Amino acid sequence: MSPERDAVADAAPMVSIVIPAYNASEHIVQAIDSVAAQTISGWELIVVDDGSTDSTAAVVSARIDGLRNARLISKENQGVSHSRNLGASEAQGSIVAFLDADDSWLPSKLEAHLARMEADPRLAVTFARVEFMDASGRPTGQLTNNLRDVVTAPMFLRTNPTVTTSNVVVRREAFFDVGGFDETINHSEDVELLFRLALNPRRRIQGVDEVLVRYRLHGEGLSADVSKMESGWHAMIEKARTYAPDVVDEHVAQGRAAHMMYWASKSMDLGHPTRDAVDYVNGAIRADARTVLGDPRLAAKAAKIYARHLTRGIVGGGQSIGREHMARQREFT
């Protein structure tokens, strides 16, 4: 970016960064630091405190004191989607970038996205590759392999190429054209938004082949997350059926199979009884066997889960979600 362009951006921010925060005092300074370290200066930062009961507001206020183009909005607790929508509605930039309070960006994040979006006005959303970091914020070296080509709506029923909302950079006009985040959906609200955006072929969604985001992996408080993710995905599918029934009906079986394999892996990672993971694998094969058995990676994952279950037997301890999952699977089959 040229100095002249940066000067213009200083006067009228090109990018508005929205950080939703709820009880985020432990990690949010690292997120804000990564914004302050960006290689361009044409941005504004909006932190939305969603009724935190810890010291989030005080920590943010101290960190942004003296930081140009940064402000804090405090409100009662209404959920992360409401916070993101509120922040976007306050944005002055024509482009909005979302960052979660426990994640961070690499310094060239905004510069790379702006260059791509300026070069192609058809792009409504861009996203980058992601590096995972551990709970303490140390990079793990594990990287995602995001899609580089234009992403289509059906892809979002099977996977989330963006990985995390901290990776999403969207034109503000396109964001509000589709109504922003659906505040009634949890865990898949970002995928549902991107699905809506991708339904219009004039709104292109494309990856940037650079690692620009660090996503924090938490090891605590996750005993019920698989069940919540599953519930969120089903809620997203049912919502999508109300406005794109043909697309959903054509692709939902493959999407269900792919997600069940992900939930199976997550169940194993979290130490749930192996029967839960086996239930998910079985459900994936019932939903669409070709998705599982036709993909060498998924087929190998299924075989590994079956083998571990046979080796360990029925493992006690942990929270079993198998019965709840099987009941929900019957509802959607």
C-alpha atoms as a PDB file:
ATOM      1  CA  MET A   1       0.000   0.000   0.000  1.00  0.00           C
ATOM      2  CA  SER A   2       1.370   3.452  -0.884  1.00  0.00           C
ATOM      3  CA  PRO A   3       1.864   6.185   1.784  1.00  0.00           C
ATOM      4  CA  GLU A   4      -0.720   8.263  -0.044  1.00  0.00           C
ATOM      5  CA  ARG A   5      -3.235   5.428   0.166  1.00  0.00           C
ATOM      6  CA  ASP A   6      -2.516   4.963   3.858  1.00  0.00           C
ATOM      7  CA  ALA A   7      -3.091   8.659   4.429  1.00  0.00           C
ATOM      8  CA  VAL A   8      -6.511   8.429   2.791  1.00  0.00           C
ATOM      9  CA  ALA A   9      -7.318   5.342   4.843  1.00  0.00           C
ATOM     10  CA  ASP A  10      -6.361   7.173   8.051  1.00  0.00           C
ATOM     11  CA  ALA A  11      -9.008   9.794   7.305  1.00  0.00           C
ATOM     12  CA  ALA A  12     -11.683   7.284   6.304  1.00  0.00           C
ATOM     13  CA  PRO A  13     -10.987   3.718   7.486  1.00  0.00           C
ATOM     14  CA  MET A  14     -11.024   1.173   4.692  1.00  0.00           C
ATOM     15  CA  VAL A  15     -11.414  -1.748   7.076  1.00  0.00           C
ATOM     16  CA  SER A  16     -13.443  -2.013  10.259  1.00  0.00           C
ATOM     17  CA  ILE A  17     -12.304  -4.773  12.618  1.00  0.00           C
ATOM     18  CA  VAL A  18     -14.937  -6.205  14.948  1.00  0.00           C
ATOM     19  CA  ILE A  19     -13.918  -8.194  18.039  1.00  0.00           C
ATOM     20  CA  PRO A  20     -16.821  -9.654  20.046  1.00  0.00           C
ATOM     21  CA  ALA A  21     -15.798 -10.286  23.643  1.00  0.00           C
ATOM     22  CA  TYR A  22     -17.376 -12.153  26.532  1.00  0.00           C
ATOM     23  CA  ASN A  23     -15.262 -12.844  29.628  1.00  0.00           C
ATOM     24  CA  ALA A  24     -12.233 -12.561  27.375  1.00  0.00           C
ATOM     25  CA  SER A  25      -9.784 -10.790  29.677  1.00  0.00           C
ATOM     26  CA  GLU A  26      -7.215 -13.586  29.527  1.00  0.00           C
ATOM     27  CA  HIS A  27      -6.526 -13.462  25.779  1.00  0.00           C
ATOM     28  CA  ILE A  28      -7.980 -10.292  24.266  1.00  0.00           C
ATOM     29  CA  VAL A  29      -4.829  -8.199  24.629  1.00  0.00           C
ATOM     30  CA  GLN A  30      -3.020 -10.614  22.302  1.00  0.00           C
ATOM     31  CA  ALA A  31      -5.826 -10.199  19.754  1.00  0.00           C
ATOM     32  CA  ILE A  32      -5.675  -6.397  19.968  1.00  0.00           C
ATOM     33  CA  ASP A  33      -1.877  -6.459  19.765  1.00  0.00           C
ATOM     34  CA  SER A  34      -2.141  -8.371  16.485  1.00  0.00           C
ATOM     35  CA  VAL A  35      -4.431  -5.669  15.097  1.00  0.00           C
ATOM     36  CA  ALA A  36      -2.076  -2.906  16.198  1.00  0.00           C
ATOM     37  CA  ALA A  37       0.786  -4.721  14.442  1.00  0.00           C
ATOM     38  CA  GLN A  38      -0.875  -4.657  11.003  1.00  0.00           C
ATOM     39  CA  THR A  39       1.297  -3.429   8.146  1.00  0.00           C
ATOM     40  CA  ILE A  40      -1.328  -0.916   7.046  1.00  0.00           C
ATOM     41  CA  SER A  41      -2.885   1.833   9.122  1.00  0.00           C
ATOM     42  CA  GLY A  42      -6.204   2.319   7.320  1.00  0.00           C
ATOM     43  CA  TRP A  43      -8.351   0.514   9.865  1.00  0.00           C
ATOM     44  CA  GLU A  44     -10.597   1.066  12.850  1.00  0.00           C
ATOM     45  CA  LEU A  45     -11.106  -1.350  15.736  1.00  0.00           C
ATOM     46  CA  ILE A  46     -14.470  -1.930  17.416  1.00  0.00           C
ATOM     47  CA  VAL A  47     -14.500  -4.182  20.473  1.00  0.00           C
ATOM     48  CA  VAL A  48     -17.996  -5.214  21.595  1.00  0.00           C
ATOM     49  CA  ASP A  49     -18.159  -6.352  25.222  1.00  0.00           C
ATOM     50  CA  ASP A  50     -21.151  -8.690  25.442  1.00  0.00           C
ATOM     51  CA  GLY A  51     -21.990  -8.181  29.102  1.00  0.00           C
ATOM     52  CA  SER A  52     -18.799  -9.708  30.483  1.00  0.00           C
ATOM     53  CA  THR A  53     -18.700 -10.486  34.200  1.00  0.00           C
ATOM     54  CA  ASP A  54     -14.912 -10.439  34.411  1.00  0.00           C
ATOM     55  CA  SER A  55     -12.474  -7.580  33.801  1.00  0.00           C
ATOM     56  CA  THR A  56     -12.773  -7.624  29.994  1.00  0.00           C
ATOM     57  CA  ALA A  57     -13.985  -4.009  29.725  1.00  0.00           C
ATOM     58  CA  ALA A  58     -11.208  -2.692  31.965  1.00  0.00           C
ATOM     59  CA  VAL A  59      -8.533  -4.712  30.173  1.00  0.00           C
ATOM     60  CA  VAL A  60      -9.718  -3.513  26.765  1.00  0.00           C
ATOM     61  CA  SER A  61     -10.009   0.111  27.888  1.00  0.00           C
ATOM     62  CA  ALA A  62      -6.444   0.061  29.203  1.00  0.00           C
ATOM     63  CA  ARG A  63      -5.063  -1.559  26.028  1.00  0.00           C
ATOM     64  CA  ILE A  64      -6.797   0.743  23.524  1.00  0.00           C
ATOM     65  CA  ASP A  65      -6.084   3.920  25.509  1.00  0.00           C
ATOM     66  CA  GLY A  66      -4.112   6.032  23.089  1.00  0.00           C
ATOM     67  CA  LEU A  67      -4.640   3.554  20.250  1.00  0.00           C
ATOM     68  CA  ARG A  68      -5.864   5.491  17.276  1.00  0.00           C
ATOM     69  CA  ASN A  69      -9.186   4.464  15.721  1.00  0.00           C
ATOM     70  CA  ALA A  70     -10.141   2.013  18.482  1.00  0.00           C
ATOM     71  CA  ARG A  71     -13.231   2.035  20.675  1.00  0.00           C
ATOM     72  CA  LEU A  72     -15.141  -0.163  23.092  1.00  0.00           C
ATOM     73  CA  ILE A  73     -18.898  -0.746  23.028  1.00  0.00           C
ATOM     74  CA  SER A  74     -20.404  -2.321  26.148  1.00  0.00           C
ATOM     75  CA  LYS A  75     -23.859  -3.910  26.189  1.00  0.00           C
ATOM     76  CA  GLU A  76     -25.903  -6.541  27.957  1.00  0.00           C
ATOM     77  CA  ASN A  77     -25.274 -10.161  27.087  1.00  0.00           C
ATOM     78  CA  GLN A  78     -27.067 -11.066  23.847  1.00  0.00           C
ATOM     79  CA  GLY A  79     -24.702 -13.531  22.197  1.00  0.00           C
ATOM     80  CA  VAL A  80     -21.754 -13.437  19.838  1.00  0.00           C
ATOM     81  CA  SER A  81     -23.794 -12.982  16.654  1.00  0.00           C
ATOM     82  CA  HIS A  82     -25.567  -9.952  18.090  1.00  0.00           C
ATOM     83  CA  SER A  83     -22.177  -8.527  19.074  1.00  0.00           C
ATOM     84  CA  ARG A  84     -20.751  -9.022  15.589  1.00  0.00           C
ATOM     85  CA  ASN A  85     -23.834  -7.507  13.963  1.00  0.00           C
ATOM     86  CA  LEU A  86     -23.716  -4.521  16.297  1.00  0.00           C
ATOM     87  CA  GLY A  87     -20.042  -3.964  15.612  1.00  0.00           C
ATOM     88  CA  ALA A  88     -20.609  -4.171  11.856  1.00  0.00           C
ATOM     89  CA  SER A  89     -23.489  -1.704  12.093  1.00  0.00           C
ATOM     90  CA  GLU A  90     -21.121   0.766  13.790  1.00  0.00           C
ATOM     91  CA  ALA A  91     -18.419   0.229  11.179  1.00  0.00           C
ATOM     92  CA  GLN A  92     -17.259   3.093   8.994  1.00  0.00           C
ATOM     93  CA  GLY A  93     -15.159   1.012   6.636  1.00  0.00           C
ATOM     94  CA  SER A  94     -16.440  -0.493   3.416  1.00  0.00           C
ATOM     95  CA  ILE A  95     -14.860  -3.807   4.442  1.00  0.00           C
ATOM     96  CA  VAL A  96     -15.423  -5.593   7.757  1.00  0.00           C
ATOM     97  CA  ALA A  97     -12.989  -8.102   9.244  1.00  0.00           C
ATOM     98  CA  PHE A  98     -13.984 -10.243  12.195  1.00  0.00           C
ATOM     99  CA  LEU A  99     -11.560 -11.397  14.881  1.00  0.00           C
ATOM    100  CA  ASP A 100     -12.452 -13.489  17.917  1.00  0.00           C
ATOM    101  CA  ALA A 101     -11.046 -12.351  21.249  1.00  0.00           C
ATOM    102  CA  ASP A 102      -8.905 -15.476  21.714  1.00  0.00           C
ATOM    103  CA  ASP A 103      -7.407 -15.585  18.213  1.00  0.00           C
ATOM    104  CA  SER A 104      -4.833 -13.381  16.489  1.00  0.00           C
ATOM    105  CA  TRP A 105      -3.654 -12.243  13.069  1.00  0.00           C
ATOM    106  CA  LEU A 106      -0.292 -12.148  11.377  1.00  0.00           C
ATOM    107  CA  PRO A 107       0.883  -8.611  10.556  1.00  0.00           C
ATOM    108  CA  SER A 108       0.115  -8.738   6.808  1.00  0.00           C
ATOM    109  CA  LYS A 109      -3.468  -9.981   7.263  1.00  0.00           C
ATOM    110  CA  LEU A 110      -5.312  -6.832   6.240  1.00  0.00           C
ATOM    111  CA  GLU A 111      -2.852  -5.772   3.567  1.00  0.00           C
ATOM    112  CA  ALA A 112      -3.142  -9.136   1.801  1.00  0.00           C
ATOM    113  CA  HIS A 113      -6.942  -9.157   1.888  1.00  0.00           C
ATOM    114  CA  LEU A 114      -7.275  -5.563   0.726  1.00  0.00           C
ATOM    115  CA  ALA A 115      -4.931  -6.200  -2.191  1.00  0.00           C
ATOM    116  CA  ARG A 116      -7.009  -9.186  -3.296  1.00  0.00           C
ATOM    117  CA  MET A 117     -10.358  -7.431  -2.905  1.00  0.00           C
ATOM    118  CA  GLU A 118      -9.215  -4.256  -4.631  1.00  0.00           C
ATOM    119  CA  ALA A 119      -7.954  -6.322  -7.548  1.00  0.00           C
ATOM    120  CA  ASP A 120     -11.302  -8.105  -7.961  1.00  0.00           C
ATOM    121  CA  PRO A 121     -14.436  -6.072  -7.135  1.00  0.00           C
ATOM    122  CA  ARG A 122     -16.515  -9.243  -7.574  1.00  0.00           C
ATOM    123  CA  LEU A 123     -15.107 -10.663  -4.346  1.00  0.00           C
ATOM    124  CA  ALA A 124     -17.561 -10.319  -1.481  1.00  0.00           C
ATOM    125  CA  VAL A 125     -15.556 -12.423   0.991  1.00  0.00           C
ATOM    126  CA  THR A 126     -11.933 -13.460   1.273  1.00  0.00           C
ATOM    127  CA  PHE A 127     -10.275 -15.798   3.736  1.00  0.00           C
ATOM    128  CA  ALA A 128      -6.752 -17.080   4.312  1.00  0.00           C
ATOM    129  CA  ARG A 129      -4.970 -20.145   5.610  1.00  0.00           C
ATOM    130  CA  VAL A 130      -4.873 -20.707   9.354  1.00  0.00           C
ATOM    131  CA  GLU A 131      -2.217 -21.830  11.796  1.00  0.00           C
ATOM    132  CA  PHE A 132      -3.389 -23.440  15.018  1.00  0.00           C
ATOM    133  CA  MET A 133      -1.932 -22.342  18.338  1.00  0.00           C
ATOM    134  CA  ASP A 134      -2.233 -24.052  21.690  1.00  0.00           C
ATOM    135  CA  ALA A 135      -4.197 -22.746  24.661  1.00  0.00           C
ATOM    136  CA  SER A 136      -1.237 -20.669  25.822  1.00  0.00           C
ATOM    137  CA  GLY A 137      -0.886 -18.957  22.440  1.00  0.00           C
ATOM    138  CA  ARG A 138       2.130 -20.867  21.128  1.00  0.00           C
ATOM    139  CA  PRO A 139       1.950 -21.714  17.393  1.00  0.00           C
ATOM    140  CA  THR A 140       1.729 -25.469  16.819  1.00  0.00           C
ATOM    141  CA  GLY A 141       2.980 -25.457  13.234  1.00  0.00           C
ATOM    142  CA  GLN A 142      -0.243 -27.186  12.147  1.00  0.00           C
ATOM    143  CA  LEU A 143      -1.680 -25.414   9.104  1.00  0.00           C
ATOM    144  CA  THR A 144      -4.926 -25.639   7.182  1.00  0.00           C
ATOM    145  CA  ASN A 145      -5.085 -26.291   3.451  1.00  0.00           C
ATOM    146  CA  ASN A 146      -7.846 -23.939   2.415  1.00  0.00           C
ATOM    147  CA  LEU A 147      -9.480 -23.968  -0.974  1.00  0.00           C
ATOM    148  CA  ARG A 148      -7.893 -21.491  -3.354  1.00  0.00           C
ATOM    149  CA  ASP A 149     -10.592 -21.377  -5.983  1.00  0.00           C
ATOM    150  CA  VAL A 150     -13.951 -19.686  -5.699  1.00  0.00           C
ATOM    151  CA  VAL A 151     -16.070 -21.369  -3.025  1.00  0.00           C
ATOM    152  CA  THR A 152     -19.655 -22.256  -3.936  1.00  0.00           C
ATOM    153  CA  ALA A 153     -22.703 -22.488  -1.681  1.00  0.00           C
ATOM    154  CA  PRO A 154     -22.922 -26.325  -1.568  1.00  0.00           C
ATOM    155  CA  MET A 155     -19.375 -26.510  -0.203  1.00  0.00           C
ATOM    156  CA  PHE A 156     -20.517 -24.818   2.994  1.00  0.00           C
ATOM    157  CA  LEU A 157     -22.944 -27.659   3.667  1.00  0.00           C
ATOM    158  CA  ARG A 158     -20.020 -30.082   3.744  1.00  0.00           C
ATOM    159  CA  THR A 159     -17.256 -28.080   5.380  1.00  0.00           C
ATOM    160  CA  ASN A 160     -16.156 -24.622   6.461  1.00  0.00           C
ATOM    161  CA  PRO A 161     -13.276 -23.542   4.230  1.00  0.00           C
ATOM    162  CA  THR A 162     -12.739 -20.423   6.343  1.00  0.00           C
ATOM    163  CA  VAL A 163     -12.204 -22.559   9.510  1.00  0.00           C
ATOM    164  CA  THR A 164     -12.983 -19.678  11.886  1.00  0.00           C
ATOM    165  CA  THR A 165     -14.852 -16.384  11.855  1.00  0.00           C
ATOM    166  CA  SER A 166     -11.497 -14.746  12.685  1.00  0.00           C
ATOM    167  CA  ASN A 167     -10.629 -15.491   9.058  1.00  0.00           C
ATOM    168  CA  VAL A 168     -13.623 -13.785   7.428  1.00  0.00           C
ATOM    169  CA  VAL A 169     -13.165 -10.476   5.611  1.00  0.00           C
ATOM    170  CA  VAL A 170     -16.374  -9.266   3.955  1.00  0.00           C
ATOM    171  CA  ARG A 171     -17.626  -6.232   2.086  1.00  0.00           C
ATOM    172  CA  ARG A 172     -19.950  -4.380   4.441  1.00  0.00           C
ATOM    173  CA  GLU A 173     -22.587  -3.865   1.741  1.00  0.00           C
ATOM    174  CA  ALA A 174     -22.754  -7.589   0.960  1.00  0.00           C
ATOM    175  CA  PHE A 175     -22.877  -8.440   4.668  1.00  0.00           C
ATOM    176  CA  PHE A 176     -25.951  -6.322   5.259  1.00  0.00           C
ATOM    177  CA  ASP A 177     -27.550  -7.228   1.925  1.00  0.00           C
ATOM    178  CA  VAL A 178     -28.042 -10.753   3.322  1.00  0.00           C
ATOM    179  CA  GLY A 179     -28.970  -9.589   6.816  1.00  0.00           C
ATOM    180  CA  GLY A 180     -25.739 -10.242   8.729  1.00  0.00           C
ATOM    181  CA  PHE A 181     -25.374 -13.124  11.186  1.00  0.00           C
ATOM    182  CA  ASP A 182     -28.481 -15.065  12.163  1.00  0.00           C
ATOM    183  CA  GLU A 183     -28.691 -14.432  15.899  1.00  0.00           C
ATOM    184  CA  THR A 184     -30.808 -17.555  16.513  1.00  0.00           C
ATOM    185  CA  ILE A 185     -28.052 -19.993  15.424  1.00  0.00           C
ATOM    186  CA  ASN A 186     -25.053 -21.071  17.499  1.00  0.00           C
ATOM    187  CA  HIS A 187     -21.869 -22.903  16.450  1.00  0.00           C
ATOM    188  CA  SER A 188     -22.637 -22.718  12.703  1.00  0.00           C
ATOM    189  CA  GLU A 189     -23.662 -19.091  12.408  1.00  0.00           C
ATOM    190  CA  ASP A 190     -20.601 -18.216  10.330  1.00  0.00           C
ATOM    191  CA  VAL A 191     -21.204 -21.073   7.886  1.00  0.00           C
ATOM    192  CA  GLU A 192     -24.865 -20.124   7.514  1.00  0.00           C
ATOM    193  CA  LEU A 193     -23.899 -16.517   6.737  1.00  0.00           C
ATOM    194  CA  LEU A 194     -21.362 -17.602   4.124  1.00  0.00           C
ATOM    195  CA  PHE A 195     -23.867 -20.036   2.615  1.00  0.00           C
ATOM    196  CA  ARG A 196     -26.342 -17.179   2.160  1.00  0.00           C
ATOM    197  CA  LEU A 197     -23.679 -14.986   0.606  1.00  0.00           C
ATOM    198  CA  ALA A 198     -22.532 -17.737  -1.757  1.00  0.00           C
ATOM    199  CA  LEU A 199     -26.043 -18.404  -3.077  1.00  0.00           C
ATOM    200  CA  ASN A 200     -25.716 -15.282  -5.211  1.00  0.00           C
ATOM    201  CA  PRO A 201     -23.170 -16.088  -7.953  1.00  0.00           C
ATOM    202  CA  ARG A 202     -22.342 -12.394  -8.230  1.00  0.00           C
ATOM    203  CA  ARG A 203     -20.841 -12.550  -4.729  1.00  0.00           C
ATOM    204  CA  ARG A 204     -17.575 -14.443  -5.014  1.00  0.00           C
ATOM    205  CA  ILE A 205     -15.877 -16.049  -2.011  1.00  0.00           C
ATOM    206  CA  GLN A 206     -12.225 -16.899  -2.477  1.00  0.00           C
ATOM    207  CA  GLY A 207      -9.216 -17.928  -0.440  1.00  0.00           C
ATOM    208  CA  VAL A 208      -5.888 -16.136  -0.109  1.00  0.00           C
ATOM    209  CA  ASP A 209      -3.040 -18.638  -0.187  1.00  0.00           C
ATOM    210  CA  GLU A 210      -1.168 -17.226   2.795  1.00  0.00           C
ATOM    211  CA  VAL A 211      -1.171 -18.113   6.485  1.00  0.00           C
ATOM    212  CA  LEU A 212      -2.642 -14.984   8.066  1.00  0.00           C
ATOM    213  CA  VAL A 213      -4.656 -16.189  11.085  1.00  0.00           C
ATOM    214  CA  ARG A 214      -3.759 -17.999  14.303  1.00  0.00           C
ATOM    215  CA  TYR A 215      -6.612 -19.979  15.836  1.00  0.00           C
ATOM    216  CA  ARG A 216      -6.439 -20.918  19.512  1.00  0.00           C
ATOM    217  CA  LEU A 217      -7.220 -24.499  20.521  1.00  0.00           C
ATOM    218  CA  HIS A 218      -8.741 -24.694  23.989  1.00  0.00           C
ATOM    219  CA  GLY A 219      -8.482 -27.820  26.071  1.00  0.00           C
ATOM    220  CA  GLU A 220     -10.961 -26.952  28.787  1.00  0.00           C
ATOM    221  CA  GLY A 221     -14.745 -26.832  29.025  1.00  0.00           C
ATOM    222  CA  LEU A 222     -15.386 -28.870  25.896  1.00  0.00           C
ATOM    223  CA  SER A 223     -17.205 -31.941  27.264  1.00  0.00           C
ATOM    224  CA  ALA A 224     -20.518 -30.988  25.624  1.00  0.00           C
ATOM    225  CA  ASP A 225     -19.211 -29.149  22.573  1.00  0.00           C
ATOM    226  CA  VAL A 226     -19.676 -31.998  20.100  1.00  0.00           C
ATOM    227  CA  SER A 227     -23.353 -32.225  20.929  1.00  0.00           C
ATOM    228  CA  LYS A 228     -23.679 -28.456  20.666  1.00  0.00           C
ATOM    229  CA  MET A 229     -21.885 -28.398  17.326  1.00  0.00           C
ATOM    230  CA  GLU A 230     -24.186 -31.106  16.040  1.00  0.00           C
ATOM    231  CA  SER A 231     -27.278 -29.244  17.228  1.00  0.00           C
ATOM    232  CA  GLY A 232     -25.990 -26.038  15.683  1.00  0.00           C
ATOM    233  CA  TRP A 233     -25.346 -27.701  12.330  1.00  0.00           C
ATOM    234  CA  HIS A 234     -28.827 -29.210  12.213  1.00  0.00           C
ATOM    235  CA  ALA A 235     -30.347 -25.823  13.119  1.00  0.00           C
ATOM    236  CA  MET A 236     -28.345 -24.251  10.300  1.00  0.00           C
ATOM    237  CA  ILE A 237     -29.546 -26.855   7.814  1.00  0.00           C
ATOM    238  CA  GLU A 238     -33.173 -26.385   8.780  1.00  0.00           C
ATOM    239  CA  LYS A 239     -32.806 -22.618   8.459  1.00  0.00           C
ATOM    240  CA  ALA A 240     -31.124 -22.966   5.062  1.00  0.00           C
ATOM    241  CA  ARG A 241     -33.994 -25.164   3.884  1.00  0.00           C
ATOM    242  CA  THR A 242     -36.374 -22.227   4.341  1.00  0.00           C
ATOM    243  CA  TYR A 243     -34.656 -20.163   1.628  1.00  0.00           C
ATOM    244  CA  ALA A 244     -32.665 -22.677  -0.465  1.00  0.00           C
ATOM    245  CA  PRO A 245     -34.508 -26.015  -0.236  1.00  0.00           C
ATOM    246  CA  ASP A 246     -33.288 -27.387  -3.575  1.00  0.00           C
ATOM    247  CA  VAL A 247     -29.616 -26.749  -2.788  1.00  0.00           C
ATOM    248  CA  VAL A 248     -29.938 -28.234   0.684  1.00  0.00           C
ATOM    249  CA  ASP A 249     -31.840 -31.323  -0.414  1.00  0.00           C
ATOM    250  CA  GLU A 250     -29.311 -32.050  -3.163  1.00  0.00           C
ATOM    251  CA  HIS A 251     -26.230 -31.786  -0.963  1.00  0.00           C
ATOM    252  CA  VAL A 252     -27.290 -32.373   2.648  1.00  0.00           C
ATOM    253  CA  ALA A 253     -26.488 -36.101   2.704  1.00  0.00           C
ATOM    254  CA  GLN A 254     -22.857 -35.503   1.775  1.00  0.00           C
ATOM    255  CA  GLY A 255     -22.715 -32.641   4.247  1.00  0.00           C
ATOM    256  CA  ARG A 256     -24.141 -34.754   7.049  1.00  0.00           C
ATOM    257  CA  ALA A 257     -21.663 -37.546   6.360  1.00  0.00           C
ATOM    258  CA  ALA A 258     -18.680 -35.201   6.348  1.00  0.00           C
ATOM    259  CA  HIS A 259     -19.761 -33.500   9.559  1.00  0.00           C
ATOM    260  CA  MET A 260     -20.418 -36.792  11.323  1.00  0.00           C
ATOM    261  CA  MET A 261     -16.877 -37.861  10.553  1.00  0.00           C
ATOM    262  CA  TYR A 262     -15.636 -34.583  12.031  1.00  0.00           C
ATOM    263  CA  TRP A 263     -17.750 -35.089  15.152  1.00  0.00           C
ATOM    264  CA  ALA A 264     -16.421 -38.624  15.438  1.00  0.00           C
ATOM    265  CA  SER A 265     -12.845 -37.334  15.447  1.00  0.00           C
ATOM    266  CA  LYS A 266     -13.710 -34.584  17.899  1.00  0.00           C
ATOM    267  CA  SER A 267     -15.338 -37.112  20.239  1.00  0.00           C
ATOM    268  CA  MET A 268     -12.151 -39.175  20.232  1.00  0.00           C
ATOM    269  CA  ASP A 269      -9.976 -36.110  20.795  1.00  0.00           C
ATOM    270  CA  LEU A 270     -12.051 -35.088  23.802  1.00  0.00           C
ATOM    271  CA  GLY A 271     -11.899 -38.532  25.374  1.00  0.00           C
ATOM    272  CA  HIS A 272     -15.574 -39.359  25.020  1.00  0.00           C
ATOM    273  CA  PRO A 273     -16.516 -43.064  25.136  1.00  0.00           C
ATOM    274  CA  THR A 274     -15.466 -44.678  21.878  1.00  0.00           C
ATOM    275  CA  ARG A 275     -19.011 -45.851  21.245  1.00  0.00           C
ATOM    276  CA  ASP A 276     -19.949 -42.213  20.600  1.00  0.00           C
ATOM    277  CA  ALA A 277     -17.358 -41.921  17.836  1.00  0.00           C
ATOM    278  CA  VAL A 278     -18.497 -45.252  16.371  1.00  0.00           C
ATOM    279  CA  ASP A 279     -22.093 -44.009  16.387  1.00  0.00           C
ATOM    280  CA  TYR A 280     -21.001 -40.988  14.376  1.00  0.00           C
ATOM    281  CA  VAL A 281     -19.051 -43.088  11.875  1.00  0.00           C
ATOM    282  CA  ASN A 282     -21.989 -45.426  11.422  1.00  0.00           C
ATOM    283  CA  GLY A 283     -24.275 -42.441  10.948  1.00  0.00           C
ATOM    284  CA  ALA A 284     -21.913 -40.959   8.374  1.00  0.00           C
ATOM    285  CA  ILE A 285     -21.907 -44.156   6.329  1.00  0.00           C
ATOM    286  CA  ARG A 286     -25.692 -44.385   6.515  1.00  0.00           C
ATOM    287  CA  ALA A 287     -26.014 -40.768   5.412  1.00  0.00           C
ATOM    288  CA  ASP A 288     -23.731 -41.117   2.388  1.00  0.00           C
ATOM    289  CA  ALA A 289     -21.337 -44.048   2.177  1.00  0.00           C
ATOM    290  CA  ARG A 290     -19.569 -42.648  -0.888  1.00  0.00           C
ATOM    291  CA  THR A 291     -18.510 -39.520   1.008  1.00  0.00           C
ATOM    292  CA  VAL A 292     -16.819 -41.626   3.668  1.00  0.00           C
ATOM    293  CA  LEU A 293     -15.527 -44.670   1.797  1.00  0.00           C
ATOM    294  CA  GLY A 294     -14.665 -42.798  -1.386  1.00  0.00           C
ATOM    295  CA  ASP A 295     -12.338 -40.423   0.431  1.00  0.00           C
ATOM    296  CA  PRO A 296      -9.112 -42.206   1.472  1.00  0.00           C
ATOM    297  CA  ARG A 297      -8.596 -39.821   4.371  1.00  0.00           C
ATOM    298  CA  LEU A 298     -12.106 -40.313   5.783  1.00  0.00           C
ATOM    299  CA  ALA A 299     -12.035 -44.058   5.154  1.00  0.00           C
ATOM    300  CA  ALA A 300      -8.762 -44.333   7.070  1.00  0.00           C
ATOM    301  CA  LYS A 301     -10.209 -42.258   9.889  1.00  0.00           C
ATOM    302  CA  ALA A 302     -13.258 -44.537  10.097  1.00  0.00           C
ATOM    303  CA  ALA A 303     -11.039 -47.642  10.214  1.00  0.00           C
ATOM    304  CA  LYS A 304      -8.918 -46.118  12.964  1.00  0.00           C
ATOM    305  CA  ILE A 305     -11.977 -45.330  15.083  1.00  0.00           C
ATOM    306  CA  TYR A 306     -13.401 -48.833  14.652  1.00  0.00           C
ATOM    307  CA  ALA A 307     -10.054 -50.352  15.572  1.00  0.00           C
ATOM    308  CA  ARG A 308      -9.677 -48.215  18.663  1.00  0.00           C
ATOM    309  CA  HIS A 309     -13.187 -49.106  19.789  1.00  0.00           C
ATOM    310  CA  LEU A 310     -12.505 -52.817  19.382  1.00  0.00           C
ATOM    311  CA  THR A 311      -9.230 -52.464  21.261  1.00  0.00           C
ATOM    312  CA  ARG A 312     -10.591 -50.464  24.161  1.00  0.00           C
ATOM    313  CA  GLY A 313     -14.038 -51.993  24.368  1.00  0.00           C
ATOM    314  CA  ILE A 314     -16.760 -49.919  25.952  1.00  0.00           C
ATOM    315  CA  VAL A 315     -14.896 -47.199  27.804  1.00  0.00           C
ATOM    316  CA  GLY A 316     -16.438 -45.845  30.966  1.00  0.00           C
ATOM    317  CA  GLY A 317     -16.203 -42.276  32.164  1.00  0.00           C
ATOM    318  CA  GLY A 318     -16.758 -39.089  30.265  1.00  0.00           C
ATOM    319  CA  GLN A 319     -20.071 -37.836  29.015  1.00  0.00           C
ATOM    320  CA  SER A 320     -21.753 -40.113  26.514  1.00  0.00           C
ATOM    321  CA  ILE A 321     -23.719 -38.322  23.851  1.00  0.00           C
ATOM    322  CA  GLY A 322     -24.495 -41.434  21.817  1.00  0.00           C
ATOM    323  CA  ARG A 323     -28.168 -41.779  22.667  1.00  0.00           C
ATOM    324  CA  GLU A 324     -28.872 -38.114  22.072  1.00  0.00           C
ATOM    325  CA  HIS A 325     -26.999 -38.253  18.783  1.00  0.00           C
ATOM    326  CA  MET A 326     -28.795 -41.380  17.584  1.00  0.00           C
ATOM    327  CA  ALA A 327     -32.189 -39.864  18.363  1.00  0.00           C
ATOM    328  CA  ARG A 328     -31.289 -36.742  16.436  1.00  0.00           C
ATOM    329  CA  GLN A 329     -29.926 -38.786  13.547  1.00  0.00           C
ATOM    330  CA  ARG A 330     -33.288 -40.567  13.188  1.00  0.00           C
ATOM    331  CA  GLU A 331     -34.997 -37.174  12.992  1.00  0.00           C
ATOM    332  CA  PHE A 332     -32.850 -36.068  10.068  1.00  0.00           C
ATOM    333  CA  THR A 333     -32.633 -39.307   8.108  1.00  0.00           C
END
